[in-house]
Amino acid sequence: MKRKILYYNPKLKPLALKLRKNMTLSEVLLWQELNGRQMMGYDFDRQRPIDNYIVDFYCKDLMLAIEVDGESHYHDNASERDQARQKKLENLGVRFLRFDDLDVKQRMGYVLNTISEWILENGPTPAPPKSSQERIFGRC
């Protein structure tokens, strides 16, 4: 299955790099669980620019963004901005999972289980294995 390539604003790259260097504790904790294909073999990026936004974590193969909502998400209409941003990215085909900062810090098992259940229910169906003859001789 071919990945859908999503545009991103190249001007966001320096900000994404800065955010990677200054991740919140909950983002660091979740990254330790997602990094290195630990989540069911899927590759996640952190602080990934998509369109004119940056998402906390993103898996290209699943088109899944994972957001960790902390203190900054509860002030000054942030929730409304988050919803508008999510809606725009969903229109591009991105799907979302959102977790509260405290859940990541205190209930990591719940967070990881929710992600793995989502992948099982929504992830791509793996291609059937090729027969040994097809691998050796190619398709006729």
C-alpha atoms as a PDB file:
ATOM      1  CA  MET A   1       0.000   0.000   0.000  1.00  0.00           C
ATOM      2  CA  LYS A   2       1.400   3.382  -1.010  1.00  0.00           C
ATOM      3  CA  ARG A   3       1.615   6.108   1.614  1.00  0.00           C
ATOM      4  CA  LYS A   4      -0.240   9.348   1.071  1.00  0.00           C
ATOM      5  CA  ILE A   5       2.244  12.215   1.147  1.00  0.00           C
ATOM      6  CA  LEU A   6       1.008  15.232   3.069  1.00  0.00           C
ATOM      7  CA  TYR A   7       2.249  18.752   2.409  1.00  0.00           C
ATOM      8  CA  TYR A   8       3.840  20.696   5.245  1.00  0.00           C
ATOM      9  CA  ASN A   9       4.914  24.283   5.561  1.00  0.00           C
ATOM     10  CA  PRO A  10       8.752  24.189   5.493  1.00  0.00           C
ATOM     11  CA  LYS A  11       8.823  27.307   7.704  1.00  0.00           C
ATOM     12  CA  LEU A  12       7.624  25.074  10.567  1.00  0.00           C
ATOM     13  CA  LYS A  13      10.731  22.884  10.538  1.00  0.00           C
ATOM     14  CA  PRO A  14      12.812  25.069  12.916  1.00  0.00           C
ATOM     15  CA  LEU A  15       9.889  25.235  15.368  1.00  0.00           C
ATOM     16  CA  ALA A  16       9.416  21.449  15.180  1.00  0.00           C
ATOM     17  CA  LEU A  17      13.121  20.952  15.965  1.00  0.00           C
ATOM     18  CA  LYS A  18      12.825  23.350  18.912  1.00  0.00           C
ATOM     19  CA  LEU A  19       9.754  21.487  20.200  1.00  0.00           C
ATOM     20  CA  ARG A  20      11.619  18.147  19.938  1.00  0.00           C
ATOM     21  CA  LYS A  21      14.365  19.562  22.148  1.00  0.00           C
ATOM     22  CA  ASN A  22      11.850  20.947  24.669  1.00  0.00           C
ATOM     23  CA  MET A  23       9.266  18.184  24.982  1.00  0.00           C
ATOM     24  CA  THR A  24       7.025  18.058  28.039  1.00  0.00           C
ATOM     25  CA  LEU A  25       7.515  15.233  30.528  1.00  0.00           C
ATOM     26  CA  SER A  26       4.417  13.423  29.248  1.00  0.00           C
ATOM     27  CA  GLU A  27       5.658  13.723  25.645  1.00  0.00           C
ATOM     28  CA  VAL A  28       9.055  12.318  26.666  1.00  0.00           C
ATOM     29  CA  LEU A  29       7.392   9.405  28.482  1.00  0.00           C
ATOM     30  CA  LEU A  30       5.150   8.558  25.532  1.00  0.00           C
ATOM     31  CA  TRP A  31       8.040   8.952  23.062  1.00  0.00           C
ATOM     32  CA  GLN A  32      10.002   6.362  25.053  1.00  0.00           C
ATOM     33  CA  GLU A  33       7.171   3.919  24.288  1.00  0.00           C
ATOM     34  CA  LEU A  34       6.678   4.837  20.610  1.00  0.00           C
ATOM     35  CA  ASN A  35      10.282   5.337  19.488  1.00  0.00           C
ATOM     36  CA  GLY A  36      12.086   2.591  17.584  1.00  0.00           C
ATOM     37  CA  ARG A  37       8.963   0.898  16.218  1.00  0.00           C
ATOM     38  CA  GLN A  38       7.998  -0.370  19.673  1.00  0.00           C
ATOM     39  CA  MET A  39       4.279   0.103  19.000  1.00  0.00           C
ATOM     40  CA  MET A  40       3.400  -2.986  16.969  1.00  0.00           C
ATOM     41  CA  GLY A  41       6.267  -2.310  14.536  1.00  0.00           C
ATOM     42  CA  TYR A  42       4.971   1.097  13.418  1.00  0.00           C
ATOM     43  CA  ASP A  43       7.300   4.064  12.922  1.00  0.00           C
ATOM     44  CA  PHE A  44       6.236   7.250  14.720  1.00  0.00           C
ATOM     45  CA  ASP A  45       7.726  10.719  14.322  1.00  0.00           C
ATOM     46  CA  ARG A  46       7.639  13.320  17.073  1.00  0.00           C
ATOM     47  CA  GLN A  47       6.721  16.968  16.593  1.00  0.00           C
ATOM     48  CA  ARG A  48       5.794  16.335  12.965  1.00  0.00           C
ATOM     49  CA  PRO A  49       4.792  19.254  10.695  1.00  0.00           C
ATOM     50  CA  ILE A  50       1.660  18.578   8.637  1.00  0.00           C
ATOM     51  CA  ASP A  51       0.110  21.346   6.540  1.00  0.00           C
ATOM     52  CA  ASN A  52       0.456  24.491   8.696  1.00  0.00           C
ATOM     53  CA  TYR A  53       0.477  22.650  12.029  1.00  0.00           C
ATOM     54  CA  ILE A  54       2.730  20.484  14.167  1.00  0.00           C
ATOM     55  CA  VAL A  55       1.346  17.335  15.801  1.00  0.00           C
ATOM     56  CA  ASP A  56       2.961  15.725  18.850  1.00  0.00           C
ATOM     57  CA  PHE A  57       3.379  12.256  17.283  1.00  0.00           C
ATOM     58  CA  TYR A  58       2.581  10.965  13.811  1.00  0.00           C
ATOM     59  CA  CYS A  59       2.669   7.594  12.048  1.00  0.00           C
ATOM     60  CA  LYS A  60       2.704   7.954   8.250  1.00  0.00           C
ATOM     61  CA  ASP A  61       1.640   4.361   7.578  1.00  0.00           C
ATOM     62  CA  LEU A  62      -1.451   4.729   9.768  1.00  0.00           C
ATOM     63  CA  MET A  63      -2.012   8.444   9.075  1.00  0.00           C
ATOM     64  CA  LEU A  64      -2.443   8.665  12.840  1.00  0.00           C
ATOM     65  CA  ALA A  65      -1.647  11.723  14.944  1.00  0.00           C
ATOM     66  CA  ILE A  66      -1.376  11.341  18.690  1.00  0.00           C
ATOM     67  CA  GLU A  67      -1.778  14.479  20.784  1.00  0.00           C
ATOM     68  CA  VAL A  68      -1.007  14.922  24.464  1.00  0.00           C
ATOM     69  CA  ASP A  69      -3.167  17.662  25.962  1.00  0.00           C
ATOM     70  CA  GLY A  70      -1.586  19.384  28.940  1.00  0.00           C
ATOM     71  CA  GLU A  71      -2.093  22.669  30.780  1.00  0.00           C
ATOM     72  CA  SER A  72      -1.659  24.836  27.690  1.00  0.00           C
ATOM     73  CA  HIS A  73      -4.658  23.150  26.059  1.00  0.00           C
ATOM     74  CA  TYR A  74      -7.055  24.303  28.789  1.00  0.00           C
ATOM     75  CA  HIS A  75      -6.593  28.093  28.494  1.00  0.00           C
ATOM     76  CA  ASP A  76      -7.492  30.947  26.143  1.00  0.00           C
ATOM     77  CA  ASN A  77      -9.779  29.113  23.692  1.00  0.00           C
ATOM     78  CA  ALA A  78      -7.073  26.489  23.072  1.00  0.00           C
ATOM     79  CA  SER A  79      -9.706  23.761  22.959  1.00  0.00           C
ATOM     80  CA  GLU A  80     -11.533  25.550  20.128  1.00  0.00           C
ATOM     81  CA  ARG A  81      -8.259  26.064  18.237  1.00  0.00           C
ATOM     82  CA  ASP A  82      -7.360  22.391  18.782  1.00  0.00           C
ATOM     83  CA  GLN A  83     -10.734  21.295  17.391  1.00  0.00           C
ATOM     84  CA  ALA A  84     -10.435  23.552  14.320  1.00  0.00           C
ATOM     85  CA  ARG A  85      -6.869  22.351  13.697  1.00  0.00           C
ATOM     86  CA  GLN A  86      -7.898  18.718  14.119  1.00  0.00           C
ATOM     87  CA  LYS A  87     -10.846  19.145  11.740  1.00  0.00           C
ATOM     88  CA  LYS A  88      -8.585  20.651   9.056  1.00  0.00           C
ATOM     89  CA  LEU A  89      -6.068  17.803   9.392  1.00  0.00           C
ATOM     90  CA  GLU A  90      -8.851  15.203   9.413  1.00  0.00           C
ATOM     91  CA  ASN A  91      -9.990  16.647   6.079  1.00  0.00           C
ATOM     92  CA  LEU A  92      -6.523  15.686   4.790  1.00  0.00           C
ATOM     93  CA  GLY A  93      -7.063  12.106   5.994  1.00  0.00           C
ATOM     94  CA  VAL A  94      -5.220  12.333   9.328  1.00  0.00           C
ATOM     95  CA  ARG A  95      -6.861  10.448  12.193  1.00  0.00           C
ATOM     96  CA  PHE A  96      -6.412  11.447  15.827  1.00  0.00           C
ATOM     97  CA  LEU A  97      -6.020  10.004  19.275  1.00  0.00           C
ATOM     98  CA  ARG A  98      -5.900  12.489  22.166  1.00  0.00           C
ATOM     99  CA  PHE A  99      -4.681  11.804  25.662  1.00  0.00           C
ATOM    100  CA  ASP A 100      -4.637  13.932  28.760  1.00  0.00           C
ATOM    101  CA  ASP A 101      -1.212  14.778  30.152  1.00  0.00           C
ATOM    102  CA  LEU A 102      -2.063  13.118  33.478  1.00  0.00           C
ATOM    103  CA  ASP A 103      -3.141   9.890  31.791  1.00  0.00           C
ATOM    104  CA  VAL A 104       0.241   9.644  30.076  1.00  0.00           C
ATOM    105  CA  LYS A 105       2.038  10.259  33.393  1.00  0.00           C
ATOM    106  CA  GLN A 106      -0.146   8.094  35.606  1.00  0.00           C
ATOM    107  CA  ARG A 107      -1.879   5.546  33.358  1.00  0.00           C
ATOM    108  CA  MET A 108       0.630   4.678  30.626  1.00  0.00           C
ATOM    109  CA  GLY A 109      -0.767   1.142  30.324  1.00  0.00           C
ATOM    110  CA  TYR A 110      -4.185   2.554  29.486  1.00  0.00           C
ATOM    111  CA  VAL A 111      -2.658   4.929  26.888  1.00  0.00           C
ATOM    112  CA  LEU A 112      -0.614   2.187  25.193  1.00  0.00           C
ATOM    113  CA  ASN A 113      -3.549  -0.216  25.234  1.00  0.00           C
ATOM    114  CA  THR A 114      -5.793   2.425  23.638  1.00  0.00           C
ATOM    115  CA  ILE A 115      -3.224   3.032  20.878  1.00  0.00           C
ATOM    116  CA  SER A 116      -2.730  -0.684  20.175  1.00  0.00           C
ATOM    117  CA  GLU A 117      -6.508  -1.310  20.123  1.00  0.00           C
ATOM    118  CA  TRP A 118      -6.933   1.593  17.694  1.00  0.00           C
ATOM    119  CA  ILE A 119      -4.240   0.124  15.436  1.00  0.00           C
ATOM    120  CA  LEU A 120      -5.860  -3.321  15.498  1.00  0.00           C
ATOM    121  CA  GLU A 121      -9.262  -1.834  14.599  1.00  0.00           C
ATOM    122  CA  ASN A 122      -8.159   0.831  12.100  1.00  0.00           C
ATOM    123  CA  GLY A 123      -4.698  -0.071  10.850  1.00  0.00           C
ATOM    124  CA  PRO A 124      -3.964  -1.328   7.362  1.00  0.00           C
ATOM    125  CA  THR A 125      -4.550  -4.976   6.665  1.00  0.00           C
ATOM    126  CA  PRO A 126      -1.174  -6.608   6.113  1.00  0.00           C
ATOM    127  CA  ALA A 127      -0.560  -8.024   2.659  1.00  0.00           C
ATOM    128  CA  PRO A 128      -0.681 -11.818   2.534  1.00  0.00           C
ATOM    129  CA  PRO A 129       2.768 -13.409   2.544  1.00  0.00           C
ATOM    130  CA  LYS A 130       4.139 -14.311  -0.851  1.00  0.00           C
ATOM    131  CA  SER A 131       4.594 -17.966  -1.600  1.00  0.00           C
ATOM    132  CA  SER A 132       8.199 -19.176  -1.620  1.00  0.00           C
ATOM    133  CA  GLN A 133       7.973 -19.727  -5.400  1.00  0.00           C
ATOM    134  CA  GLU A 134       6.920 -16.085  -5.995  1.00  0.00           C
ATOM    135  CA  ARG A 135       9.805 -14.847  -3.831  1.00  0.00           C
ATOM    136  CA  ILE A 136      12.333 -16.917  -5.757  1.00  0.00           C
ATOM    137  CA  PHE A 137      11.123 -16.602  -9.352  1.00  0.00           C
ATOM    138  CA  GLY A 138       8.985 -13.467  -9.281  1.00  0.00           C
ATOM    139  CA  ARG A 139       5.419 -13.278 -10.454  1.00  0.00           C
ATOM    140  CA  CYS A 140       4.638 -14.933 -13.800  1.00  0.00           C
END
